[in-house]
Protein backbone atom coordinates (compact mmCIF):
# COMPACT_ATOMS: atom_id res chain seq x y z
CA MET A 1 -39.73 32.31 4.29
CA ASP A 2 -41.92 29.27 4.34
CA THR A 3 -41.45 27.87 0.77
CA HIS A 4 -44.04 25.27 -0.55
CA LEU A 5 -43.74 22.61 -2.98
CA ASN A 6 -46.36 21.65 -5.66
CA ILE A 7 -46.35 18.57 -7.12
CA GLU A 8 -48.33 17.06 -10.08
CA GLN A 9 -48.56 13.60 -11.41
CA SER A 10 -45.65 13.04 -13.61
CA THR A 11 -43.30 10.68 -15.77
CA ILE A 12 -39.58 11.49 -15.63
CA THR A 13 -36.71 10.56 -17.72
CA GLY A 14 -33.41 11.62 -18.64
CA THR A 15 -29.75 11.57 -16.98
CA ILE A 16 -28.82 13.57 -13.83
CA PRO A 17 -25.56 13.48 -11.93
CA ALA A 18 -25.78 12.72 -7.76
CA PRO A 19 -25.24 15.43 -5.79
CA PRO A 20 -22.00 15.54 -3.61
CA SER A 21 -22.22 13.38 -0.26
CA LYS A 22 -23.04 15.57 2.67
CA SER A 23 -21.63 12.90 4.99
CA TYR A 24 -18.19 13.11 3.20
CA SER A 25 -18.11 16.65 2.75
CA HIS A 26 -18.62 17.39 6.82
CA ARG A 27 -16.02 14.68 7.73
CA ALA A 28 -13.49 16.02 5.29
CA ILE A 29 -13.61 19.60 5.81
CA ALA A 30 -13.66 18.93 9.41
CA ILE A 31 -10.15 16.64 9.21
CA ALA A 32 -9.05 19.15 6.86
CA ALA A 33 -9.66 22.20 9.31
CA LEU A 34 -6.93 19.81 11.47
CA SER A 35 -4.65 19.54 8.85
CA HIS A 36 -1.90 21.63 7.27
CA ARG A 37 -3.36 22.36 3.78
CA SER A 38 -6.04 20.42 1.91
CA GLU A 39 -7.96 20.53 -1.19
CA ILE A 40 -11.57 19.52 -1.13
CA ALA A 41 -12.94 18.83 -4.58
CA CYS A 42 -16.80 18.53 -5.69
CA PRO A 43 -17.63 19.60 -2.06
CA LEU A 44 -21.42 20.05 -1.22
CA LEU A 45 -22.22 23.43 0.01
CA SER A 46 -25.59 23.14 1.60
CA ALA A 47 -26.71 24.65 4.48
CA ASP A 48 -25.24 22.24 6.86
CA VAL A 49 -22.33 21.91 5.31
CA LYS A 50 -21.73 25.63 5.11
CA ALA A 51 -22.01 25.43 9.12
CA THR A 52 -18.95 23.14 9.21
CA ILE A 53 -17.17 25.50 6.79
CA SER A 54 -18.27 28.54 9.55
CA ALA A 55 -17.33 26.37 12.58
CA SER A 56 -13.96 25.16 11.19
CA ARG A 57 -12.97 29.00 10.63
CA SER A 58 -14.50 29.54 14.39
CA ILE A 59 -11.59 27.64 15.72
CA GLY A 60 -8.89 29.25 13.33
CA ALA A 61 -8.78 27.36 9.91
CA ASP A 62 -8.71 29.34 6.66
CA VAL A 63 -11.42 28.32 4.31
CA SER A 64 -11.52 29.64 0.67
CA VAL A 65 -14.43 28.27 -1.76
CA SER A 66 -13.55 28.81 -5.14
CA GLU A 67 -15.42 30.68 -7.69
CA SER A 68 -17.19 27.82 -9.25
CA GLY A 69 -17.82 26.23 -5.58
CA ASP A 70 -16.35 23.21 -6.49
CA LEU A 71 -13.08 23.33 -4.69
CA LEU A 72 -12.37 24.23 -1.11
CA THR A 73 -8.81 25.29 0.08
CA ILE A 74 -8.46 24.66 3.54
CA ASN A 75 -5.31 25.80 5.55
CA GLY A 76 -5.79 24.12 9.02
CA VAL A 77 -4.85 24.58 12.49
CA GLN A 78 -3.60 21.26 13.87
CA ARG A 79 -4.61 22.43 17.33
CA PRO A 80 -7.98 24.64 17.39
CA ALA A 81 -8.04 27.79 18.97
CA VAL A 82 -10.47 29.37 21.19
CA PRO A 83 -13.56 30.72 19.32
CA GLY A 84 -13.85 34.20 19.38
CA ASP A 85 -17.74 33.96 19.42
CA VAL A 86 -20.28 31.46 20.06
CA ILE A 87 -20.28 29.11 17.53
CA ASN A 88 -23.84 28.95 15.80
CA ILE A 89 -24.11 25.57 13.97
CA LEU A 90 -28.14 26.47 12.88
CA ASN A 91 -29.74 23.20 11.92
CA SER A 92 -26.35 21.21 11.70
CA GLY A 93 -26.38 17.93 13.98
CA THR A 94 -23.41 16.69 12.55
CA THR A 95 -21.77 19.97 13.15
CA LEU A 96 -22.64 20.41 16.23
CA ARG A 97 -21.62 16.88 17.23
CA PHE A 98 -18.26 17.30 15.79
CA PHE A 99 -17.29 20.79 16.77
CA THR A 100 -18.29 19.66 20.59
CA ALA A 101 -15.88 17.37 20.68
CA ILE A 102 -13.11 19.17 18.37
CA THR A 103 -13.31 22.15 20.62
CA SER A 104 -12.65 20.09 23.35
CA LEU A 105 -8.93 20.18 22.15
CA ALA A 106 -8.67 24.05 22.49
CA PRO A 107 -7.07 25.39 25.98
CA GLY A 108 -10.27 27.39 26.97
CA THR A 109 -14.05 27.57 26.70
CA SER A 110 -15.93 27.44 23.70
CA VAL A 111 -20.08 27.73 23.41
CA LEU A 112 -22.10 26.07 20.82
CA THR A 113 -25.77 26.52 19.65
CA GLY A 114 -27.92 26.21 17.07
CA ASP A 115 -31.98 26.67 15.90
CA ALA A 116 -34.97 25.78 17.76
CA SER A 117 -34.88 22.12 16.37
CA ILE A 118 -30.90 21.67 17.19
CA ARG A 119 -31.51 22.82 20.87
CA THR A 120 -33.94 19.68 21.28
CA ARG A 121 -31.59 17.00 19.90
CA PRO A 122 -30.01 14.48 22.53
CA ASN A 123 -26.52 14.94 23.50
CA ASP A 124 -25.50 13.45 26.80
CA PRO A 125 -23.51 10.11 25.62
CA LEU A 126 -21.07 12.66 23.91
CA LEU A 127 -21.17 15.14 26.59
CA ARG A 128 -20.29 12.47 29.29
CA ALA A 129 -17.70 10.72 27.28
CA LEU A 130 -15.81 13.97 26.39
CA THR A 131 -16.15 14.41 30.41
CA ASP A 132 -14.64 11.01 30.77
CA LEU A 133 -11.80 12.14 28.75
CA GLY A 134 -10.53 14.94 30.76
CA ALA A 135 -12.48 18.02 29.55
CA ASP A 136 -15.37 19.79 31.02
CA VAL A 137 -18.81 19.92 28.83
CA PHE A 138 -22.22 20.47 29.75
CA SER A 139 -25.52 21.46 28.74
CA THR A 140 -26.64 25.03 29.72
CA LYS A 141 -30.21 23.75 30.35
CA GLY A 142 -28.77 20.56 32.30
CA ASP A 143 -30.57 18.05 29.97
CA GLY A 144 -27.67 17.24 27.03
CA THR A 145 -29.36 19.58 24.60
CA ALA A 146 -27.77 22.61 23.18
CA PRO A 147 -26.41 25.43 24.09
CA ILE A 148 -23.27 23.33 25.22
CA VAL A 149 -20.20 24.91 27.08
CA VAL A 150 -16.81 23.30 26.25
CA ARG A 151 -13.96 23.77 28.21
CA GLY A 152 -10.86 21.94 27.32
CA PRO A 153 -8.22 20.67 26.87
CA LEU A 154 -9.21 17.18 26.23
CA LYS A 155 -6.53 15.03 27.51
CA GLY A 156 -7.45 11.24 26.51
CA GLY A 157 -8.14 7.92 28.46
CA SER A 158 -11.00 5.70 28.40
CA THR A 159 -14.74 6.11 28.00
CA GLN A 160 -17.92 4.02 26.84
CA ILE A 161 -20.50 5.35 25.07
CA SER A 162 -23.97 4.11 24.08
CA GLY A 163 -23.98 3.03 20.09
CA SER A 164 -27.86 3.03 20.06
CA ILE A 165 -28.48 6.70 19.61
CA SER A 166 -26.15 8.50 17.23
CA SER A 167 -23.02 7.20 15.53
CA GLN A 168 -22.12 10.85 15.17
CA PHE A 169 -21.30 10.52 18.80
CA ILE A 170 -18.69 8.13 17.78
CA SER A 171 -17.71 10.03 14.93
CA ALA A 172 -16.97 13.01 16.99
CA LEU A 173 -14.59 11.03 19.27
CA LEU A 174 -12.73 9.17 16.47
CA ILE A 175 -11.69 12.68 14.72
CA THR A 176 -11.05 14.22 18.08
CA CYS A 177 -9.02 11.46 20.23
CA PRO A 178 -6.23 11.41 17.78
CA LEU A 179 -4.80 15.04 18.90
CA ALA A 180 -5.25 14.12 22.60
CA ASN A 181 -2.09 14.19 24.58
CA LYS A 182 -2.95 10.48 25.76
CA ASP A 183 -4.13 7.53 23.90
CA SER A 184 -7.78 6.76 24.38
CA THR A 185 -9.98 4.03 24.04
CA ILE A 186 -13.45 4.23 23.16
CA SER A 187 -15.98 1.56 24.03
CA VAL A 188 -19.20 1.03 22.62
CA GLU A 189 -22.25 -0.33 24.31
CA GLY A 190 -24.81 -2.34 22.55
CA GLU A 191 -25.26 -2.08 18.92
CA LEU A 192 -23.88 0.61 16.89
CA LYS A 193 -26.68 1.97 14.65
CA SER A 194 -25.67 3.56 11.71
CA ARG A 195 -22.51 1.46 11.52
CA PRO A 196 -21.59 3.08 7.85
CA TYR A 197 -21.42 6.47 9.08
CA VAL A 198 -18.67 5.53 11.27
CA ASP A 199 -17.06 3.41 8.19
CA VAL A 200 -17.28 6.76 6.26
CA THR A 201 -15.54 8.64 9.33
CA LEU A 202 -12.84 5.90 9.45
CA GLU A 203 -12.17 6.02 5.66
CA VAL A 204 -11.36 10.08 5.82
CA LEU A 205 -9.32 9.60 8.54
CA SER A 206 -7.31 7.05 7.11
CA GLU A 207 -6.59 9.51 4.15
CA ALA A 208 -5.39 12.09 6.30
CA GLY A 209 -2.81 9.49 7.84
CA ILE A 210 -4.83 9.01 11.12
CA VAL A 211 -4.39 5.28 12.63
CA ILE A 212 -7.23 3.75 14.47
CA ASN A 213 -7.21 -0.05 15.94
CA GLU A 214 -10.89 -1.30 16.12
CA LYS A 215 -11.20 -4.58 18.39
CA ASN A 216 -14.23 -6.83 18.60
CA ASP A 217 -14.40 -9.57 20.71
CA SER A 218 -16.15 -11.01 23.74
CA SER A 219 -15.82 -7.67 25.62
CA GLY A 220 -17.43 -5.74 22.63
CA LEU A 221 -16.49 -2.79 20.25
CA ARG A 222 -13.93 -0.53 21.10
CA PHE A 223 -11.70 2.13 19.36
CA VAL A 224 -8.10 2.47 20.47
CA ILE A 225 -6.53 5.42 19.25
CA GLU A 226 -2.92 6.56 20.04
CA GLY A 227 -2.48 10.28 20.93
CA ASN A 228 -0.49 13.07 19.23
CA GLN A 229 -0.78 12.07 16.10
CA THR A 230 -0.89 14.73 13.08
CA PHE A 231 -3.84 15.09 10.59
CA ASP A 232 -2.63 15.70 6.63
CA LEU A 233 -5.26 15.41 4.61
CA LYS A 234 -3.62 16.78 1.50
CA LYS A 235 -6.58 16.27 -1.57
CA TYR A 236 -9.95 14.81 -1.13
CA THR A 237 -12.63 14.42 -3.88
CA VAL A 238 -16.07 13.96 -2.40
CA PRO A 239 -18.00 11.10 -3.76
CA GLY A 240 -21.81 11.21 -5.02
CA ASP A 241 -24.36 11.05 -2.23
CA PHE A 242 -26.60 8.13 -1.78
CA SER A 243 -29.03 9.42 0.69
CA SER A 244 -29.69 12.00 -1.53
CA SER A 245 -29.92 9.93 -4.33
CA SER A 246 -32.67 7.73 -2.82
CA TYR A 247 -35.14 10.24 -3.80
CA LEU A 248 -34.03 10.29 -7.48
CA LEU A 249 -34.10 6.55 -7.72
CA ALA A 250 -36.94 6.11 -5.98
CA ALA A 251 -38.97 8.30 -8.47
CA GLY A 252 -37.39 6.41 -11.15
CA ALA A 253 -38.70 2.97 -9.96
CA LEU A 254 -42.44 4.48 -9.27
CA ALA A 255 -42.39 7.81 -12.20
CA GLY A 256 -39.75 6.90 -14.35
CA ASP A 257 -38.81 5.82 -18.10
CA HIS A 258 -35.44 5.11 -18.24
CA VAL A 259 -33.81 7.01 -15.40
CA THR A 260 -29.99 7.41 -14.72
CA VAL A 261 -28.35 8.84 -11.79
CA GLN A 262 -24.57 9.38 -12.21
CA ASN A 263 -21.35 9.65 -10.16
CA LEU A 264 -22.50 6.91 -8.02
CA TYR A 265 -19.48 4.62 -7.33
CA PRO A 266 -19.10 1.82 -4.10
CA SER A 267 -18.13 3.67 -1.20
CA ALA A 268 -18.35 3.09 2.59
CA GLN A 269 -22.01 4.79 2.34
CA GLY A 270 -24.70 2.56 4.08
CA ASP A 271 -27.18 4.05 1.87
CA SER A 272 -26.08 2.46 -1.21
CA ALA A 273 -28.12 -0.39 -0.08
CA ILE A 274 -31.25 1.35 -1.38
CA ILE A 275 -30.06 -0.10 -4.96
CA ARG A 276 -30.52 -3.61 -3.41
CA ILE A 277 -33.94 -2.71 -1.48
CA LEU A 278 -35.17 -1.60 -4.69
CA GLU A 279 -33.96 -4.97 -6.30
CA ASP A 280 -35.60 -7.19 -3.86
CA MET A 281 -38.99 -5.00 -4.26
CA GLY A 282 -39.19 -5.89 -7.80
CA ALA A 283 -37.72 -2.79 -9.72
CA ASP A 284 -36.02 -2.48 -13.05
CA ILE A 285 -32.75 -1.42 -11.29
CA ILE A 286 -28.99 -1.74 -12.83
CA TRP A 287 -25.95 -0.51 -11.24
CA ASN A 288 -22.77 -0.13 -13.04
CA GLN A 289 -20.31 0.14 -10.54
CA GLU A 290 -17.35 0.81 -12.84
CA ALA A 291 -19.01 3.68 -14.74
CA GLY A 292 -20.68 5.01 -11.31
CA GLU A 293 -24.12 4.81 -13.03
CA VAL A 294 -27.53 3.47 -11.77
CA LYS A 295 -30.52 3.22 -14.55
CA VAL A 296 -33.69 2.65 -12.98
CA THR A 297 -37.33 2.71 -14.57
CA LYS A 298 -41.15 2.24 -13.39
CA SER A 299 -41.84 -1.23 -12.09
CA ASP A 300 -44.48 -2.97 -10.17
CA LEU A 301 -43.17 -3.03 -6.60
CA HIS A 302 -43.86 -5.07 -3.65
CA GLY A 303 -43.59 -4.67 -0.01
CA VAL A 304 -40.57 -6.08 1.79
CA THR A 305 -39.11 -6.23 5.37
CA VAL A 306 -35.88 -3.93 5.90
CA ASP A 307 -33.91 -3.61 8.96
CA VAL A 308 -32.84 0.12 8.97
CA GLY A 309 -30.25 -0.10 11.90
CA ARG A 310 -27.39 0.68 9.51
CA THR A 311 -29.32 3.05 7.15
CA PRO A 312 -31.56 5.23 9.07
CA ASP A 313 -31.67 8.08 6.36
CA LEU A 314 -33.38 5.82 4.09
CA VAL A 315 -36.65 5.52 6.40
CA PRO A 316 -38.56 8.41 4.53
CA THR A 317 -37.90 7.25 1.31
CA LEU A 318 -38.56 3.33 2.31
CA ALA A 319 -42.03 4.60 3.57
CA VAL A 320 -42.82 6.12 0.42
CA LEU A 321 -42.02 2.98 -1.52
CA GLY A 322 -43.75 0.89 0.74
CA ALA A 323 -46.91 3.32 0.18
CA CYS A 324 -46.98 2.99 -3.57
CA ALA A 325 -46.04 -0.71 -3.51
CA SER A 326 -48.31 -3.95 -3.51
CA GLY A 327 -48.54 -5.85 -0.14
CA GLU A 328 -46.86 -5.01 3.17
CA MET A 329 -43.69 -3.05 3.95
CA ARG A 330 -42.01 -3.68 7.20
CA ILE A 331 -39.61 -1.42 8.22
CA MET A 332 -37.74 -2.65 11.65
CA ASN A 333 -35.07 -1.62 14.08
CA ALA A 334 -35.92 2.29 13.40
CA SER A 335 -36.14 3.52 16.86
CA HIS A 336 -32.82 5.72 16.40
CA VAL A 337 -34.97 7.43 13.67
CA ARG A 338 -36.68 9.34 16.07
CA TYR A 339 -33.69 11.37 17.09
CA LYS A 340 -33.57 12.99 13.61
CA GLU A 341 -34.41 16.33 12.82
CA THR A 342 -37.75 15.34 13.90
CA ASP A 343 -39.51 12.08 14.84
CA ARG A 344 -39.44 10.80 11.45
CA LEU A 345 -41.30 7.51 12.02
CA HIS A 346 -43.93 9.46 13.36
CA ALA A 347 -43.89 12.29 10.74
CA MET A 348 -44.12 9.59 7.68
CA ALA A 349 -46.83 8.06 9.72
CA ILE A 350 -48.98 11.23 9.95
CA GLU A 351 -48.33 12.48 6.29
CA LEU A 352 -48.80 9.32 4.32
CA ALA A 353 -52.20 8.77 6.29
CA LYS A 354 -53.24 12.02 4.86
CA MET A 355 -52.58 10.65 1.54
CA GLY A 356 -54.85 7.82 2.13
CA VAL A 357 -52.06 5.12 3.06
CA ASP A 358 -52.82 2.09 5.41
CA ILE A 359 -49.61 3.15 7.84
CA ARG A 360 -48.94 1.97 11.54
CA GLU A 361 -46.55 3.19 13.49
CA THR A 362 -45.03 1.10 16.31
CA GLU A 363 -41.92 2.29 19.07
CA ASP A 364 -39.52 0.64 16.69
CA GLU A 365 -41.18 0.03 13.05
CA LEU A 366 -43.27 1.29 10.71
CA LEU A 367 -45.74 -1.06 9.01
CA ILE A 368 -47.32 -0.03 5.34
CA ARG A 369 -49.98 -1.86 3.50
CA GLY A 370 -49.34 -0.49 0.07
CA GLY A 371 -51.99 0.79 -2.30
CA GLU A 372 -53.33 3.67 -4.17
CA VAL A 373 -51.66 7.21 -2.70
CA LYS A 374 -53.87 10.46 -3.36
CA GLY A 375 -52.98 13.92 -3.63
CA ALA A 376 -52.95 16.02 -0.12
CA SER A 377 -51.54 19.11 1.70
CA LEU A 378 -48.82 17.81 3.68
CA HIS A 379 -46.26 19.21 6.29
CA GLY A 380 -42.95 18.82 5.71
CA TRP A 381 -41.78 18.85 9.51
CA ASP A 382 -38.95 21.56 8.71
CA ASP A 383 -37.10 18.29 7.71
CA HIS A 384 -35.36 17.77 4.30
CA ARG A 385 -35.87 14.46 3.95
CA ILE A 386 -39.35 14.05 4.99
CA VAL A 387 -39.92 17.02 2.24
CA MET A 388 -38.06 15.44 -0.34
CA SER A 389 -39.48 11.52 0.16
CA LEU A 390 -43.29 13.12 0.01
CA ALA A 391 -42.34 14.92 -3.15
CA VAL A 392 -41.85 11.49 -4.59
CA ALA A 393 -44.86 10.35 -3.45
CA GLY A 394 -46.66 13.38 -5.10
CA LEU A 395 -45.30 12.39 -8.49
CA VAL A 396 -47.32 9.37 -8.31
CA ALA A 397 -50.58 10.70 -6.53
CA GLY A 398 -50.47 14.20 -8.02
CA SER A 399 -52.38 17.49 -6.65
CA THR A 400 -49.51 17.32 -3.92
CA GLU A 401 -48.50 20.68 -1.93
CA ILE A 402 -45.53 20.34 0.74
CA ASP A 403 -44.83 23.21 3.20
CA THR A 404 -41.43 24.04 4.81
CA ALA A 405 -39.66 23.12 1.63
CA GLU A 406 -36.90 25.70 1.92
CA SER A 407 -35.36 22.87 4.48
CA VAL A 408 -33.81 20.79 1.52
CA ALA A 409 -31.32 23.46 1.06
CA VAL A 410 -29.79 21.19 4.27
CA SER A 411 -28.58 18.80 2.20
CA TYR A 412 -29.50 18.89 -1.51
CA PRO A 413 -30.35 22.45 -2.36
CA GLY A 414 -30.85 21.63 -5.99
CA PHE A 415 -33.62 18.95 -5.44
CA ALA A 416 -36.43 20.72 -7.20
CA ARG A 417 -34.47 21.70 -9.95
CA ASP A 418 -33.07 18.23 -10.63
CA LEU A 419 -36.45 16.80 -10.77
CA GLY A 420 -37.76 19.61 -12.95
CA GLN A 421 -34.77 18.82 -15.25
CA LEU A 422 -36.07 15.12 -15.58
CA GLY A 423 -39.45 16.20 -16.78
CA ALA A 424 -41.50 16.25 -13.17
CA LYS A 425 -44.24 18.88 -12.80
CA VAL A 426 -42.64 20.57 -9.54
CA SER A 427 -43.15 24.41 -8.76
CA GLU A 428 -41.93 26.38 -5.79
CA CYS A 429 -43.65 29.34 -4.28
């Protein structure tokens, strides 16, 4: 059912906890599914994360959710079983990439597919890498998109993979190769975009006792992984999500009267850069790292230049901040943002133009001349990050309606509720 968000000009105030991290939840659950027995506290139970839970069950893990939803108990499998049915990962690209690799450890054939959007997203670099490492992995359409057929078991060895499209490919290999029979070396070609997400993966793997050696010299970046390791993630608490909190912090900087977001502690999350970027733009923002609290209030912002090579998920938020700031906002090194749920550079250029924003899209950049934003009827592109960022613009513009708002369930199911608790005039229909 197509849900619309209606947003009127608002001033928000109050204190709100950050939603749990989607990135950490995915990784902790997938790694727990390969461990003995794990407890995952404070998981995000969004649509994407539920897809990872379902995929974990498909390979034989027993996953139970507490009545309150704040604890997962997972009895893992060490070695994945061949799924009894096709794995439908719905709209979760992370689940598709992780479990394409994980099922390659099973001694048989697995098939993974998803919704219409997922069936357009590229996976060729991962499929080639898994083939190099001894599995037989291919797209049924021959173009790298799902449905994907995986025939294992993966043996290990050496492969090269581009770092320019998605860090999820690298993370998928890092999770899988420790269970291969042979040692593995993953050489990364070119710049590793979205590097902080790989750091999140390495952090959770380390918690599970997995050792991965990273080398970066004249030969380039490579990960050397000993085979036949054992996963043992006993207890893990998921931190707050800086990606999802970026909408709350941006809303506070544009329409806030002392907004506080809690449970934001230092971690490997690259999107914590939103705090520094807001500071650079002139925001009145303070991060008490020890208390895990970020306080922000409405400020006169000015445009800046931001390289988003490491922080692609911030692009929609930054585009809205630039639209509402003075001067020019330049969002650069952003071509990989075109390979998300939708082409986010193009989507933001189209929708902000409807709000009267002077915005120009190039292959690798968004150039935004800030000024007044006007209310409009907007398309959410079935993309959670597009919808939530446009909702922030709506707080400033007023009279804004956004379709496909049901997509926020992918990463932040309580988004509209939380905005409303802060006093935003927002309704769903």
